Amino acid sequence: MLALAESSFFPVPPDVLLAPLVLGNRRKWVRFALACSVASVVGGIVGYTIGLTVWSQIDQTVYAWRLPGISEANFAKATAWYAEYNFWIVFAAGFTPLPYKVITISAGVFFKDSGWSPFFVFLLASTVSRSARFFLVAGLMGRLGPRITPVLDKYFNLACVVFVVLLVGGFLVIKYAL
C-alpha cells in the first residue's frame, strides 16, 4: 500500500518498509519485491491519471497566477522533452531517488492529448525501473541480510544515479558516435 501511495502522492519511499520486511523474513524477498513493484506501478498509473484529468481543469488558473517557471512556453518545452525522452524520464525517476510521483503526474499532464502510445511507454518504463529498484534492494537484503544495510543506507541512492547516468550516457555515445 505504501508503494502505491508513494507513486502518486505520499512522500515516503517504499524502500523504507521493504528493507525491514525482507530482513524480517529473508526467504520471502521475491514476494515482497514483487508486491512492492506491482503496487508502485499501480500507484504510478494513479499519478498518471491525476495528471491526465486534473491539469486540464486548473491550467488556466495556474498560468494566471504567474508562478515562477510556469508558463505556456515552458509547458510547451516540457511537452517536447517528454515527447522525445518519455521512456528515459520515467525510467530515471523510477530507478533513482528522483521524485517518482512528480514524474507520474507530469507524464499524465504532458501526454494529455497524445493517445495510448505514451501511456504504454510510461507503463513499460515504470514497470522496468520500479521492479529493478525493488528487486535490487530486496535481493541484496535477502541474500546479504543485515551486513548490507549500512552499505545500502550510505551508497544506494548515489549508485542508482551513477547507473542511470552511465546507461543514458552509453546510449548517447552510441547514438552520436555511430
C-alpha atoms as a PDB file:
ATOM      1  CA  MET A   1       0.000   0.000   0.000  1.00  0.00           C
ATOM      2  CA  LEU A   2       2.888   2.367   0.808  1.00  0.00           C
ATOM      3  CA  ALA A   3       4.382   1.765  -2.658  1.00  0.00           C
ATOM      4  CA  LEU A   4       1.069   2.631  -4.311  1.00  0.00           C
ATOM      5  CA  ALA A   5       0.660   5.823  -2.275  1.00  0.00           C
ATOM      6  CA  GLU A   6       4.286   6.892  -2.781  1.00  0.00           C
ATOM      7  CA  SER A   7       3.988   6.646  -6.547  1.00  0.00           C
ATOM      8  CA  SER A   8       1.149   9.128  -6.691  1.00  0.00           C
ATOM      9  CA  PHE A   9       1.128  11.409  -3.648  1.00  0.00           C
ATOM     10  CA  PHE A  10       2.854  10.111  -0.471  1.00  0.00           C
ATOM     11  CA  PRO A  11       6.359  11.440   0.314  1.00  0.00           C
ATOM     12  CA  VAL A  12       7.941   8.365   1.971  1.00  0.00           C
ATOM     13  CA  PRO A  13       9.701   5.923  -0.403  1.00  0.00           C
ATOM     14  CA  PRO A  14       8.665   2.262  -0.146  1.00  0.00           C
ATOM     15  CA  ASP A  15      12.276   1.117   0.343  1.00  0.00           C
ATOM     16  CA  VAL A  16      11.899   2.265   3.950  1.00  0.00           C
ATOM     17  CA  LEU A  17       9.378  -0.514   4.559  1.00  0.00           C
ATOM     18  CA  LEU A  18      10.682  -3.035   2.018  1.00  0.00           C
ATOM     19  CA  ALA A  19      14.112  -3.437   3.633  1.00  0.00           C
ATOM     20  CA  PRO A  20      12.829  -4.251   7.154  1.00  0.00           C
ATOM     21  CA  LEU A  21      10.186  -6.611   5.737  1.00  0.00           C
ATOM     22  CA  VAL A  22      12.867  -8.569   3.897  1.00  0.00           C
ATOM     23  CA  LEU A  23      15.121  -8.580   6.943  1.00  0.00           C
ATOM     24  CA  GLY A  24      12.214  -9.969   8.963  1.00  0.00           C
ATOM     25  CA  ASN A  25      11.756 -12.885   6.558  1.00  0.00           C
ATOM     26  CA  ARG A  26      14.604 -13.145   4.074  1.00  0.00           C
ATOM     27  CA  ARG A  27      13.114 -16.165   2.262  1.00  0.00           C
ATOM     28  CA  LYS A  28      10.170 -14.017   1.080  1.00  0.00           C
ATOM     29  CA  TRP A  29      12.280 -11.332  -0.583  1.00  0.00           C
ATOM     30  CA  VAL A  30      10.900 -12.130  -4.075  1.00  0.00           C
ATOM     31  CA  ARG A  31       7.299 -11.901  -2.845  1.00  0.00           C
ATOM     32  CA  PHE A  32       7.973  -8.580  -1.102  1.00  0.00           C
ATOM     33  CA  ALA A  33       9.782  -7.117  -4.126  1.00  0.00           C
ATOM     34  CA  LEU A  34       7.009  -8.232  -6.479  1.00  0.00           C
ATOM     35  CA  ALA A  35       4.277  -6.785  -4.255  1.00  0.00           C
ATOM     36  CA  CYS A  36       6.186  -3.522  -3.931  1.00  0.00           C
ATOM     37  CA  SER A  37       6.789  -3.346  -7.697  1.00  0.00           C
ATOM     38  CA  VAL A  38       3.168  -4.037  -8.645  1.00  0.00           C
ATOM     39  CA  ALA A  39       1.800  -1.584  -6.077  1.00  0.00           C
ATOM     40  CA  SER A  40       4.263   1.086  -7.181  1.00  0.00           C
ATOM     41  CA  VAL A  41       3.327   0.722 -10.862  1.00  0.00           C
ATOM     42  CA  VAL A  42      -0.383   0.835  -9.971  1.00  0.00           C
ATOM     43  CA  GLY A  43       0.347   3.978  -7.936  1.00  0.00           C
ATOM     44  CA  GLY A  44       2.173   5.380 -10.947  1.00  0.00           C
ATOM     45  CA  ILE A  45      -0.943   4.794 -13.035  1.00  0.00           C
ATOM     46  CA  VAL A  46      -2.958   6.649 -10.391  1.00  0.00           C
ATOM     47  CA  GLY A  47      -0.478   9.545 -10.575  1.00  0.00           C
ATOM     48  CA  TYR A  48      -0.637   9.487 -14.390  1.00  0.00           C
ATOM     49  CA  THR A  49      -4.429   9.611 -14.190  1.00  0.00           C
ATOM     50  CA  ILE A  50      -4.296  12.538 -11.763  1.00  0.00           C
ATOM     51  CA  GLY A  51      -2.139  14.464 -14.214  1.00  0.00           C
ATOM     52  CA  LEU A  52      -4.297  13.455 -17.152  1.00  0.00           C
ATOM     53  CA  THR A  53      -7.537  14.620 -15.552  1.00  0.00           C
ATOM     54  CA  VAL A  54      -6.690  17.456 -13.173  1.00  0.00           C
ATOM     55  CA  TRP A  55      -4.370  19.653 -15.249  1.00  0.00           C
ATOM     56  CA  SER A  56      -6.990  20.497 -17.881  1.00  0.00           C
ATOM     57  CA  GLN A  57      -9.232  21.781 -15.089  1.00  0.00           C
ATOM     58  CA  ILE A  58      -6.631  24.042 -13.463  1.00  0.00           C
ATOM     59  CA  ASP A  59      -4.167  25.013 -16.210  1.00  0.00           C
ATOM     60  CA  GLN A  60      -5.548  28.466 -16.963  1.00  0.00           C
ATOM     61  CA  THR A  61      -5.721  29.297 -13.249  1.00  0.00           C
ATOM     62  CA  VAL A  62      -2.118  28.195 -12.765  1.00  0.00           C
ATOM     63  CA  TYR A  63      -0.955  30.309 -15.725  1.00  0.00           C
ATOM     64  CA  ALA A  64      -2.927  33.285 -14.355  1.00  0.00           C
ATOM     65  CA  TRP A  65      -1.072  33.036 -11.014  1.00  0.00           C
ATOM     66  CA  ARG A  66       2.192  33.677 -12.922  1.00  0.00           C
ATOM     67  CA  LEU A  67       4.195  31.334 -10.738  1.00  0.00           C
ATOM     68  CA  PRO A  68       7.933  31.464 -11.468  1.00  0.00           C
ATOM     69  CA  GLY A  69       8.875  28.988 -14.195  1.00  0.00           C
ATOM     70  CA  ILE A  70       5.313  28.034 -15.029  1.00  0.00           C
ATOM     71  CA  SER A  71       4.187  29.469 -18.334  1.00  0.00           C
ATOM     72  CA  GLU A  72       2.617  28.199 -21.513  1.00  0.00           C
ATOM     73  CA  ALA A  73       6.022  28.483 -23.231  1.00  0.00           C
ATOM     74  CA  ASN A  74       7.750  26.383 -20.556  1.00  0.00           C
ATOM     75  CA  PHE A  75       4.868  23.933 -20.666  1.00  0.00           C
ATOM     76  CA  ALA A  76       5.423  23.555 -24.431  1.00  0.00           C
ATOM     77  CA  LYS A  77       9.164  22.912 -23.837  1.00  0.00           C
ATOM     78  CA  ALA A  78       8.430  20.263 -21.195  1.00  0.00           C
ATOM     79  CA  THR A  79       5.889  18.629 -23.501  1.00  0.00           C
ATOM     80  CA  ALA A  80       8.559  18.415 -26.215  1.00  0.00           C
ATOM     81  CA  TRP A  81      11.052  16.883 -23.759  1.00  0.00           C
ATOM     82  CA  TYR A  82       8.504  14.271 -22.698  1.00  0.00           C
ATOM     83  CA  ALA A  83       7.659  13.525 -26.327  1.00  0.00           C
ATOM     84  CA  GLU A  84      11.337  12.868 -27.121  1.00  0.00           C
ATOM     85  CA  TYR A  85      12.613  11.312 -23.880  1.00  0.00           C
ATOM     86  CA  ASN A  86       9.473   9.896 -22.272  1.00  0.00           C
ATOM     87  CA  PHE A  87      10.881   6.438 -21.514  1.00  0.00           C
ATOM     88  CA  TRP A  88      14.118   7.828 -20.056  1.00  0.00           C
ATOM     89  CA  ILE A  89      12.429  10.483 -17.921  1.00  0.00           C
ATOM     90  CA  VAL A  90      10.118   7.928 -16.329  1.00  0.00           C
ATOM     91  CA  PHE A  91      12.867   5.295 -16.052  1.00  0.00           C
ATOM     92  CA  ALA A  92      15.287   7.699 -14.345  1.00  0.00           C
ATOM     93  CA  ALA A  93      12.686   8.792 -11.808  1.00  0.00           C
ATOM     94  CA  GLY A  94      11.552   5.219 -11.220  1.00  0.00           C
ATOM     95  CA  PHE A  95      15.009   3.858 -10.503  1.00  0.00           C
ATOM     96  CA  THR A  96      16.793   6.760  -8.827  1.00  0.00           C
ATOM     97  CA  PRO A  97      15.901   8.897  -5.814  1.00  0.00           C
ATOM     98  CA  LEU A  98      14.282  11.472  -8.115  1.00  0.00           C
ATOM     99  CA  PRO A  99      10.670  12.068  -7.028  1.00  0.00           C
ATOM    100  CA  TYR A 100       8.804   9.406  -8.995  1.00  0.00           C
ATOM    101  CA  LYS A 101       5.390  10.774  -8.034  1.00  0.00           C
ATOM    102  CA  VAL A 102       6.183  14.135  -9.673  1.00  0.00           C
ATOM    103  CA  ILE A 103       7.059  12.330 -12.899  1.00  0.00           C
ATOM    104  CA  THR A 104       3.963  10.102 -12.839  1.00  0.00           C
ATOM    105  CA  ILE A 105       1.684  13.120 -12.501  1.00  0.00           C
ATOM    106  CA  SER A 106       3.574  15.234 -15.018  1.00  0.00           C
ATOM    107  CA  ALA A 107       3.607  12.367 -17.537  1.00  0.00           C
ATOM    108  CA  GLY A 108      -0.191  12.401 -17.418  1.00  0.00           C
ATOM    109  CA  VAL A 109      -0.190  16.166 -17.849  1.00  0.00           C
ATOM    110  CA  PHE A 110       2.200  16.214 -20.794  1.00  0.00           C
ATOM    111  CA  PHE A 111       0.636  13.258 -22.599  1.00  0.00           C
ATOM    112  CA  LYS A 112      -2.911  14.535 -22.227  1.00  0.00           C
ATOM    113  CA  ASP A 113      -3.636  14.665 -25.959  1.00  0.00           C
ATOM    114  CA  SER A 114      -1.133  12.088 -27.205  1.00  0.00           C
ATOM    115  CA  GLY A 115      -3.245   8.922 -27.269  1.00  0.00           C
ATOM    116  CA  TRP A 116      -2.364   5.482 -25.893  1.00  0.00           C
ATOM    117  CA  SER A 117       1.210   5.100 -27.128  1.00  0.00           C
ATOM    118  CA  PRO A 118       2.852   7.336 -24.488  1.00  0.00           C
ATOM    119  CA  PHE A 119       0.870   5.585 -21.748  1.00  0.00           C
ATOM    120  CA  PHE A 120       2.284   2.219 -22.783  1.00  0.00           C
ATOM    121  CA  VAL A 121       5.798   3.687 -22.858  1.00  0.00           C
ATOM    122  CA  PHE A 122       5.120   5.126 -19.389  1.00  0.00           C
ATOM    123  CA  LEU A 123       3.866   1.738 -18.195  1.00  0.00           C
ATOM    124  CA  LEU A 124       6.912  -0.093 -19.598  1.00  0.00           C
ATOM    125  CA  ALA A 125       9.402   2.394 -18.137  1.00  0.00           C
ATOM    126  CA  SER A 126       7.631   2.318 -14.769  1.00  0.00           C
ATOM    127  CA  THR A 127       7.492  -1.464 -14.664  1.00  0.00           C
ATOM    128  CA  VAL A 128      11.149  -1.931 -15.623  1.00  0.00           C
ATOM    129  CA  SER A 129      12.575   0.792 -13.381  1.00  0.00           C
ATOM    130  CA  ARG A 130      10.475   0.205 -10.271  1.00  0.00           C
ATOM    131  CA  SER A 131      10.917  -3.564 -10.475  1.00  0.00           C
ATOM    132  CA  ALA A 132      14.668  -3.199 -10.970  1.00  0.00           C
ATOM    133  CA  ARG A 133      14.913  -0.904  -7.957  1.00  0.00           C
ATOM    134  CA  PHE A 134      12.801  -3.007  -5.592  1.00  0.00           C
ATOM    135  CA  PHE A 135      14.206  -6.367  -6.687  1.00  0.00           C
ATOM    136  CA  LEU A 136      17.713  -4.988  -6.266  1.00  0.00           C
ATOM    137  CA  VAL A 137      17.013  -3.751  -2.734  1.00  0.00           C
ATOM    138  CA  ALA A 138      15.079  -6.863  -1.705  1.00  0.00           C
ATOM    139  CA  GLY A 139      17.596  -9.192  -3.360  1.00  0.00           C
ATOM    140  CA  LEU A 140      20.542  -7.614  -1.589  1.00  0.00           C
ATOM    141  CA  MET A 141      18.705  -7.643   1.723  1.00  0.00           C
ATOM    142  CA  GLY A 142      17.550 -11.222   1.174  1.00  0.00           C
ATOM    143  CA  ARG A 143      20.990 -12.529   0.230  1.00  0.00           C
ATOM    144  CA  LEU A 144      23.246 -10.485   2.478  1.00  0.00           C
ATOM    145  CA  GLY A 145      20.869  -9.515   5.281  1.00  0.00           C
ATOM    146  CA  PRO A 146      21.946  -7.069   7.945  1.00  0.00           C
ATOM    147  CA  ARG A 147      25.530  -6.912   6.605  1.00  0.00           C
ATOM    148  CA  ILE A 148      24.406  -4.947   3.513  1.00  0.00           C
ATOM    149  CA  THR A 149      22.167  -2.475   5.386  1.00  0.00           C
ATOM    150  CA  PRO A 150      24.876   0.120   6.181  1.00  0.00           C
ATOM    151  CA  VAL A 151      26.147  -0.002   2.599  1.00  0.00           C
ATOM    152  CA  LEU A 152      22.645   0.463   1.159  1.00  0.00           C
ATOM    153  CA  ASP A 153      21.907   3.291   3.586  1.00  0.00           C
ATOM    154  CA  LYS A 154      25.075   5.097   2.606  1.00  0.00           C
ATOM    155  CA  TYR A 155      25.533   4.417  -1.133  1.00  0.00           C
ATOM    156  CA  PHE A 156      22.319   3.124  -2.730  1.00  0.00           C
ATOM    157  CA  ASN A 157      20.952   6.455  -3.989  1.00  0.00           C
ATOM    158  CA  LEU A 158      24.341   7.503  -5.361  1.00  0.00           C
ATOM    159  CA  ALA A 159      24.804   4.132  -7.075  1.00  0.00           C
ATOM    160  CA  CYS A 160      21.350   4.425  -8.697  1.00  0.00           C
ATOM    161  CA  VAL A 161      22.112   7.901 -10.034  1.00  0.00           C
ATOM    162  CA  VAL A 162      25.524   6.803 -11.367  1.00  0.00           C
ATOM    163  CA  PHE A 163      23.935   3.758 -13.037  1.00  0.00           C
ATOM    164  CA  VAL A 164      21.303   5.861 -14.837  1.00  0.00           C
ATOM    165  CA  VAL A 165      23.875   8.465 -15.906  1.00  0.00           C
ATOM    166  CA  LEU A 166      26.113   5.724 -17.312  1.00  0.00           C
ATOM    167  CA  LEU A 167      23.199   3.987 -19.006  1.00  0.00           C
ATOM    168  CA  VAL A 168      21.879   7.146 -20.669  1.00  0.00           C
ATOM    169  CA  GLY A 169      25.430   8.271 -21.452  1.00  0.00           C
ATOM    170  CA  GLY A 170      26.136   4.953 -23.128  1.00  0.00           C
ATOM    171  CA  PHE A 171      23.087   5.292 -25.344  1.00  0.00           C
ATOM    172  CA  LEU A 172      24.059   8.872 -26.224  1.00  0.00           C
ATOM    173  CA  VAL A 173      27.571   7.752 -27.162  1.00  0.00           C
ATOM    174  CA  ILE A 174      26.144   5.015 -29.375  1.00  0.00           C
ATOM    175  CA  LYS A 175      23.665   7.430 -30.934  1.00  0.00           C
ATOM    176  CA  TYR A 176      26.146  10.205 -31.725  1.00  0.00           C
ATOM    177  CA  ALA A 177      29.335   8.185 -32.277  1.00  0.00           C
ATOM    178  CA  LEU A 178      27.901   5.873 -34.920  1.00  0.00           C
END
